């Protein structure tokens, strides 16, 4: 009896030491909770206890999904405005970091192939002083979108043509005829549309 208690105490101390070394993240907690509540292979899938465990697992996953979404919003991972399929992330970062951020959330930087998409994105921005990275970058043989398509739209105002990354920047100004024209900077060039 004494030997068994000593072994248990020693195991408990080892567990404490190893848990100090373990860094717990949301995915670790989620994995552990799933392993603790998931039914085992020996469990009869039609039994009441299995159905209860599966129901608990479903609500547990739903809870963690909602908490993680709120966590993302609260910590600036997904602030902004969602219009159509665009999500504006208002956090200062480089083009490479911006793309990595998008890809870590299973999307990519915006690709604009038509004027309709351009105006949809233009109308979705809630400020006229914003600058957002786009999925356009320079390759040795020209400009390409992150989806692999070449840049086909050529209505450019040449400005700082040496740039390697593209951004969408809103500048609203008045023309001599008192018409408002919106200009968006793509890459380090300006794509202009007039009313």
C-alpha atoms as a PDB file:
ATOM      1  CA  UNK A   1       0.000   0.000   0.000  1.00  0.00           C
ATOM      2  CA  UNK A   2       2.747   2.442   0.889  1.00  0.00           C
ATOM      3  CA  UNK A   3       4.682   1.588  -2.268  1.00  0.00           C
ATOM      4  CA  UNK A   4       1.607   2.213  -4.439  1.00  0.00           C
ATOM      5  CA  UNK A   5       0.972   5.621  -2.835  1.00  0.00           C
ATOM      6  CA  UNK A   6       4.626   6.580  -3.396  1.00  0.00           C
ATOM      7  CA  UNK A   7       4.365   5.572  -7.060  1.00  0.00           C
ATOM      8  CA  UNK A   8       1.172   7.592  -7.415  1.00  0.00           C
ATOM      9  CA  UNK A   9       2.805  10.633  -5.786  1.00  0.00           C
ATOM     10  CA  UNK A  10       5.841  10.307  -8.065  1.00  0.00           C
ATOM     11  CA  UNK A  11       3.597  10.023 -11.133  1.00  0.00           C
ATOM     12  CA  UNK A  12       1.635  13.075  -9.960  1.00  0.00           C
ATOM     13  CA  UNK A  13       4.866  15.090  -9.598  1.00  0.00           C
ATOM     14  CA  UNK A  14       6.017  14.015 -13.084  1.00  0.00           C
ATOM     15  CA  UNK A  15       2.657  15.041 -14.513  1.00  0.00           C
ATOM     16  CA  UNK A  16       2.936  18.456 -12.824  1.00  0.00           C
ATOM     17  CA  UNK A  17       6.449  18.970 -14.226  1.00  0.00           C
ATOM     18  CA  UNK A  18       5.457  17.934 -17.737  1.00  0.00           C
ATOM     19  CA  UNK A  19       2.350  20.128 -17.648  1.00  0.00           C
ATOM     20  CA  UNK A  20       4.552  23.129 -16.838  1.00  0.00           C
ATOM     21  CA  UNK A  21       6.451  22.446 -20.074  1.00  0.00           C
ATOM     22  CA  UNK A  22       3.257  22.023 -22.097  1.00  0.00           C
ATOM     23  CA  UNK A  23       1.924  25.164 -23.714  1.00  0.00           C
ATOM     24  CA  UNK A  24      -1.831  24.947 -23.916  1.00  0.00           C
ATOM     25  CA  UNK A  25      -3.581  26.570 -26.875  1.00  0.00           C
ATOM     26  CA  UNK A  26      -7.233  26.640 -27.977  1.00  0.00           C
ATOM     27  CA  UNK A  27      -6.582  23.757 -30.383  1.00  0.00           C
ATOM     28  CA  UNK A  28      -4.934  21.746 -27.584  1.00  0.00           C
ATOM     29  CA  UNK A  29      -7.884  22.336 -25.278  1.00  0.00           C
ATOM     30  CA  UNK A  30     -10.344  21.526 -28.043  1.00  0.00           C
ATOM     31  CA  UNK A  31      -8.471  18.326 -28.939  1.00  0.00           C
ATOM     32  CA  UNK A  32      -8.287  17.242 -25.309  1.00  0.00           C
ATOM     33  CA  UNK A  33     -11.980  17.922 -24.749  1.00  0.00           C
ATOM     34  CA  UNK A  34     -12.909  16.035 -27.895  1.00  0.00           C
ATOM     35  CA  UNK A  35     -10.803  13.084 -26.809  1.00  0.00           C
ATOM     36  CA  UNK A  36     -12.369  13.129 -23.360  1.00  0.00           C
ATOM     37  CA  UNK A  37     -15.956  13.280 -24.573  1.00  0.00           C
ATOM     38  CA  UNK A  38     -15.825  11.319 -27.827  1.00  0.00           C
ATOM     39  CA  UNK A  39     -17.205   7.777 -27.698  1.00  0.00           C
ATOM     40  CA  UNK A  40     -14.682   4.955 -27.933  1.00  0.00           C
ATOM     41  CA  UNK A  41     -14.665   2.271 -30.616  1.00  0.00           C
ATOM     42  CA  UNK A  42     -15.958  -0.273 -28.092  1.00  0.00           C
ATOM     43  CA  UNK A  43     -19.073   1.797 -27.385  1.00  0.00           C
ATOM     44  CA  UNK A  44     -22.297   0.622 -28.982  1.00  0.00           C
ATOM     45  CA  UNK A  45     -23.283   3.522 -31.257  1.00  0.00           C
ATOM     46  CA  UNK A  46     -26.974   2.996 -30.572  1.00  0.00           C
ATOM     47  CA  UNK A  47     -26.688   3.177 -26.812  1.00  0.00           C
ATOM     48  CA  UNK A  48     -28.113   6.100 -24.854  1.00  0.00           C
ATOM     49  CA  UNK A  49     -24.713   7.000 -23.411  1.00  0.00           C
ATOM     50  CA  UNK A  50     -23.206   7.251 -26.897  1.00  0.00           C
ATOM     51  CA  UNK A  51     -26.057   9.454 -28.120  1.00  0.00           C
ATOM     52  CA  UNK A  52     -25.622  11.644 -25.054  1.00  0.00           C
ATOM     53  CA  UNK A  53     -21.851  11.848 -25.608  1.00  0.00           C
ATOM     54  CA  UNK A  54     -22.355  12.735 -29.291  1.00  0.00           C
ATOM     55  CA  UNK A  55     -24.893  15.432 -28.370  1.00  0.00           C
ATOM     56  CA  UNK A  56     -22.523  16.848 -25.759  1.00  0.00           C
ATOM     57  CA  UNK A  57     -19.688  16.793 -28.287  1.00  0.00           C
ATOM     58  CA  UNK A  58     -21.820  18.654 -30.843  1.00  0.00           C
ATOM     59  CA  UNK A  59     -22.718  21.422 -28.383  1.00  0.00           C
ATOM     60  CA  UNK A  60     -19.139  21.582 -27.123  1.00  0.00           C
ATOM     61  CA  UNK A  61     -17.845  22.073 -30.674  1.00  0.00           C
ATOM     62  CA  UNK A  62     -20.548  24.652 -31.351  1.00  0.00           C
ATOM     63  CA  UNK A  63     -19.599  26.510 -28.163  1.00  0.00           C
ATOM     64  CA  UNK A  64     -15.886  26.535 -29.058  1.00  0.00           C
ATOM     65  CA  UNK A  65     -16.667  27.679 -32.607  1.00  0.00           C
ATOM     66  CA  UNK A  66     -18.673  30.626 -31.291  1.00  0.00           C
ATOM     67  CA  UNK A  67     -16.077  31.507 -28.652  1.00  0.00           C
ATOM     68  CA  UNK A  68     -13.224  31.368 -31.172  1.00  0.00           C
ATOM     69  CA  UNK A  69     -15.164  33.584 -33.591  1.00  0.00           C
ATOM     70  CA  UNK A  70     -15.793  36.127 -30.863  1.00  0.00           C
ATOM     71  CA  UNK A  71     -12.146  35.873 -29.844  1.00  0.00           C
ATOM     72  CA  UNK A  72     -11.105  36.685 -33.416  1.00  0.00           C
ATOM     73  CA  UNK A  73     -13.411  39.663 -33.622  1.00  0.00           C
ATOM     74  CA  UNK A  74     -12.487  40.997 -30.219  1.00  0.00           C
ATOM     75  CA  UNK A  75      -8.760  40.771 -30.871  1.00  0.00           C
ATOM     76  CA  UNK A  76      -8.806  42.438 -34.263  1.00  0.00           C
ATOM     77  CA  UNK A  77      -8.411  39.325 -36.385  1.00  0.00           C
ATOM     78  CA  UNK A  78     -11.590  40.022 -38.304  1.00  0.00           C
ATOM     79  CA  UNK A  79     -12.734  43.561 -37.667  1.00  0.00           C
ATOM     80  CA  UNK A  80     -14.239  45.484 -40.510  1.00  0.00           C
ATOM     81  CA  UNK A  81     -17.117  45.213 -42.816  1.00  0.00           C
ATOM     82  CA  UNK A  82     -18.254  42.212 -44.824  1.00  0.00           C
ATOM     83  CA  UNK A  83     -19.823  43.096 -48.130  1.00  0.00           C
ATOM     84  CA  UNK A  84     -20.383  40.431 -50.731  1.00  0.00           C
ATOM     85  CA  UNK A  85     -17.320  38.227 -50.434  1.00  0.00           C
ATOM     86  CA  UNK A  86     -14.856  40.841 -49.238  1.00  0.00           C
ATOM     87  CA  UNK A  87     -13.611  41.155 -45.666  1.00  0.00           C
ATOM     88  CA  UNK A  88     -11.683  44.299 -44.796  1.00  0.00           C
ATOM     89  CA  UNK A  89      -8.972  43.722 -42.211  1.00  0.00           C
ATOM     90  CA  UNK A  90      -8.012  47.045 -40.673  1.00  0.00           C
ATOM     91  CA  UNK A  91      -4.612  46.092 -39.335  1.00  0.00           C
ATOM     92  CA  UNK A  92      -1.304  47.492 -40.556  1.00  0.00           C
ATOM     93  CA  UNK A  93       0.852  44.807 -42.215  1.00  0.00           C
ATOM     94  CA  UNK A  94       3.055  44.197 -45.243  1.00  0.00           C
ATOM     95  CA  UNK A  95       1.698  42.633 -48.447  1.00  0.00           C
ATOM     96  CA  UNK A  96       3.373  39.302 -47.622  1.00  0.00           C
ATOM     97  CA  UNK A  97       2.011  39.326 -44.051  1.00  0.00           C
ATOM     98  CA  UNK A  98      -1.421  40.336 -45.368  1.00  0.00           C
ATOM     99  CA  UNK A  99      -1.454  37.393 -47.759  1.00  0.00           C
ATOM    100  CA  UNK A 100      -0.266  35.018 -45.021  1.00  0.00           C
ATOM    101  CA  UNK A 101      -3.046  36.319 -42.776  1.00  0.00           C
ATOM    102  CA  UNK A 102      -5.670  35.696 -45.473  1.00  0.00           C
ATOM    103  CA  UNK A 103      -4.333  32.240 -46.265  1.00  0.00           C
ATOM    104  CA  UNK A 104      -4.297  31.302 -42.592  1.00  0.00           C
ATOM    105  CA  UNK A 105      -8.063  31.939 -42.685  1.00  0.00           C
ATOM    106  CA  UNK A 106      -8.523  29.857 -45.880  1.00  0.00           C
ATOM    107  CA  UNK A 107      -8.939  32.808 -48.241  1.00  0.00           C
ATOM    108  CA  UNK A 108      -6.559  34.993 -50.233  1.00  0.00           C
ATOM    109  CA  UNK A 109      -6.090  38.655 -51.056  1.00  0.00           C
ATOM    110  CA  UNK A 110      -8.829  40.132 -53.258  1.00  0.00           C
ATOM    111  CA  UNK A 111      -8.655  39.580 -57.011  1.00  0.00           C
ATOM    112  CA  UNK A 112     -10.447  42.149 -59.175  1.00  0.00           C
ATOM    113  CA  UNK A 113     -11.073  41.085 -62.775  1.00  0.00           C
ATOM    114  CA  UNK A 114     -13.877  43.432 -63.799  1.00  0.00           C
ATOM    115  CA  UNK A 115     -15.049  46.980 -63.231  1.00  0.00           C
ATOM    116  CA  UNK A 116     -18.097  45.510 -61.496  1.00  0.00           C
ATOM    117  CA  UNK A 117     -15.855  43.833 -58.908  1.00  0.00           C
ATOM    118  CA  UNK A 118     -13.851  47.034 -58.579  1.00  0.00           C
ATOM    119  CA  UNK A 119     -16.953  49.108 -57.869  1.00  0.00           C
ATOM    120  CA  UNK A 120     -18.309  46.480 -55.469  1.00  0.00           C
ATOM    121  CA  UNK A 121     -15.083  46.744 -53.496  1.00  0.00           C
ATOM    122  CA  UNK A 122     -15.043  50.518 -53.861  1.00  0.00           C
ATOM    123  CA  UNK A 123     -18.573  50.824 -52.475  1.00  0.00           C
ATOM    124  CA  UNK A 124     -17.809  48.399 -49.646  1.00  0.00           C
ATOM    125  CA  UNK A 125     -15.045  50.555 -48.187  1.00  0.00           C
ATOM    126  CA  UNK A 126     -16.402  52.768 -45.458  1.00  0.00           C
ATOM    127  CA  UNK A 127     -13.689  55.379 -45.646  1.00  0.00           C
ATOM    128  CA  UNK A 128     -12.121  57.416 -48.405  1.00  0.00           C
ATOM    129  CA  UNK A 129      -8.695  57.400 -46.782  1.00  0.00           C
ATOM    130  CA  UNK A 130      -8.197  53.644 -46.540  1.00  0.00           C
ATOM    131  CA  UNK A 131      -5.507  51.569 -48.195  1.00  0.00           C
ATOM    132  CA  UNK A 132      -5.911  47.792 -48.582  1.00  0.00           C
ATOM    133  CA  UNK A 133      -3.598  45.190 -50.082  1.00  0.00           C
ATOM    134  CA  UNK A 134      -4.880  43.342 -53.145  1.00  0.00           C
ATOM    135  CA  UNK A 135      -3.804  40.011 -54.583  1.00  0.00           C
ATOM    136  CA  UNK A 136      -1.809  41.618 -57.390  1.00  0.00           C
ATOM    137  CA  UNK A 137       1.966  41.378 -57.609  1.00  0.00           C
ATOM    138  CA  UNK A 138       4.762  41.715 -60.141  1.00  0.00           C
ATOM    139  CA  UNK A 139       6.450  38.676 -61.701  1.00  0.00           C
ATOM    140  CA  UNK A 140       9.368  38.627 -64.133  1.00  0.00           C
ATOM    141  CA  UNK A 141       6.926  38.478 -67.064  1.00  0.00           C
ATOM    142  CA  UNK A 142       4.389  41.035 -65.813  1.00  0.00           C
ATOM    143  CA  UNK A 143       1.649  41.590 -63.251  1.00  0.00           C
ATOM    144  CA  UNK A 144      -0.282  38.589 -61.919  1.00  0.00           C
ATOM    145  CA  UNK A 145      -3.112  38.039 -59.488  1.00  0.00           C
ATOM    146  CA  UNK A 146      -2.659  35.563 -56.651  1.00  0.00           C
ATOM    147  CA  UNK A 147      -5.030  33.148 -58.406  1.00  0.00           C
ATOM    148  CA  UNK A 148      -2.500  32.905 -61.271  1.00  0.00           C
ATOM    149  CA  UNK A 149      -4.385  35.079 -63.785  1.00  0.00           C
ATOM    150  CA  UNK A 150      -2.462  37.773 -65.598  1.00  0.00           C
ATOM    151  CA  UNK A 151      -3.543  41.363 -65.203  1.00  0.00           C
ATOM    152  CA  UNK A 152      -5.774  41.994 -68.205  1.00  0.00           C
ATOM    153  CA  UNK A 153      -7.239  45.388 -67.351  1.00  0.00           C
ATOM    154  CA  UNK A 154      -4.896  48.106 -68.613  1.00  0.00           C
ATOM    155  CA  UNK A 155      -6.535  51.436 -67.654  1.00  0.00           C
ATOM    156  CA  UNK A 156      -3.645  52.633 -65.542  1.00  0.00           C
ATOM    157  CA  UNK A 157      -2.344  55.996 -64.541  1.00  0.00           C
ATOM    158  CA  UNK A 158       1.413  55.438 -64.409  1.00  0.00           C
ATOM    159  CA  UNK A 159       2.658  56.230 -60.935  1.00  0.00           C
ATOM    160  CA  UNK A 160       5.699  54.634 -59.308  1.00  0.00           C
ATOM    161  CA  UNK A 161       5.752  51.756 -61.766  1.00  0.00           C
ATOM    162  CA  UNK A 162       8.635  50.101 -59.891  1.00  0.00           C
ATOM    163  CA  UNK A 163       6.391  48.720 -57.132  1.00  0.00           C
ATOM    164  CA  UNK A 164       6.087  44.983 -56.466  1.00  0.00           C
ATOM    165  CA  UNK A 165       2.855  44.782 -54.462  1.00  0.00           C
ATOM    166  CA  UNK A 166      -0.642  46.158 -55.018  1.00  0.00           C
ATOM    167  CA  UNK A 167      -2.882  48.160 -52.752  1.00  0.00           C
ATOM    168  CA  UNK A 168      -6.282  49.722 -53.143  1.00  0.00           C
ATOM    169  CA  UNK A 169      -6.247  53.290 -51.879  1.00  0.00           C
ATOM    170  CA  UNK A 170      -9.190  55.648 -51.831  1.00  0.00           C
ATOM    171  CA  UNK A 171      -8.636  59.251 -52.766  1.00  0.00           C
ATOM    172  CA  UNK A 172     -11.638  61.401 -53.518  1.00  0.00           C
ATOM    173  CA  UNK A 173     -11.098  64.737 -55.183  1.00  0.00           C
ATOM    174  CA  UNK A 174     -13.009  67.257 -57.251  1.00  0.00           C
ATOM    175  CA  UNK A 175     -12.413  67.749 -60.973  1.00  0.00           C
ATOM    176  CA  UNK A 176     -12.515  71.237 -62.499  1.00  0.00           C
ATOM    177  CA  UNK A 177     -16.031  70.462 -63.776  1.00  0.00           C
ATOM    178  CA  UNK A 178     -17.076  69.813 -60.160  1.00  0.00           C
ATOM    179  CA  UNK A 179     -17.469  66.085 -60.857  1.00  0.00           C
ATOM    180  CA  UNK A 180     -16.262  63.701 -58.221  1.00  0.00           C
ATOM    181  CA  UNK A 181     -13.920  61.001 -59.409  1.00  0.00           C
ATOM    182  CA  UNK A 182     -12.803  58.136 -57.256  1.00  0.00           C
ATOM    183  CA  UNK A 183      -9.288  56.889 -57.638  1.00  0.00           C
ATOM    184  CA  UNK A 184      -8.020  53.634 -56.248  1.00  0.00           C
ATOM    185  CA  UNK A 185      -4.340  52.810 -56.244  1.00  0.00           C
ATOM    186  CA  UNK A 186      -3.625  49.284 -57.456  1.00  0.00           C
ATOM    187  CA  UNK A 187      -0.095  48.119 -56.880  1.00  0.00           C
ATOM    188  CA  UNK A 188       1.703  51.412 -56.909  1.00  0.00           C
ATOM    189  CA  UNK A 189      -0.252  52.647 -59.915  1.00  0.00           C
ATOM    190  CA  UNK A 190      -3.619  54.319 -60.095  1.00  0.00           C
ATOM    191  CA  UNK A 191      -6.636  52.738 -61.745  1.00  0.00           C
ATOM    192  CA  UNK A 192      -9.099  55.513 -62.490  1.00  0.00           C
ATOM    193  CA  UNK A 193     -12.787  55.525 -63.295  1.00  0.00           C
ATOM    194  CA  UNK A 194     -14.669  58.721 -63.911  1.00  0.00           C
ATOM    195  CA  UNK A 195     -18.365  59.384 -63.512  1.00  0.00           C
END
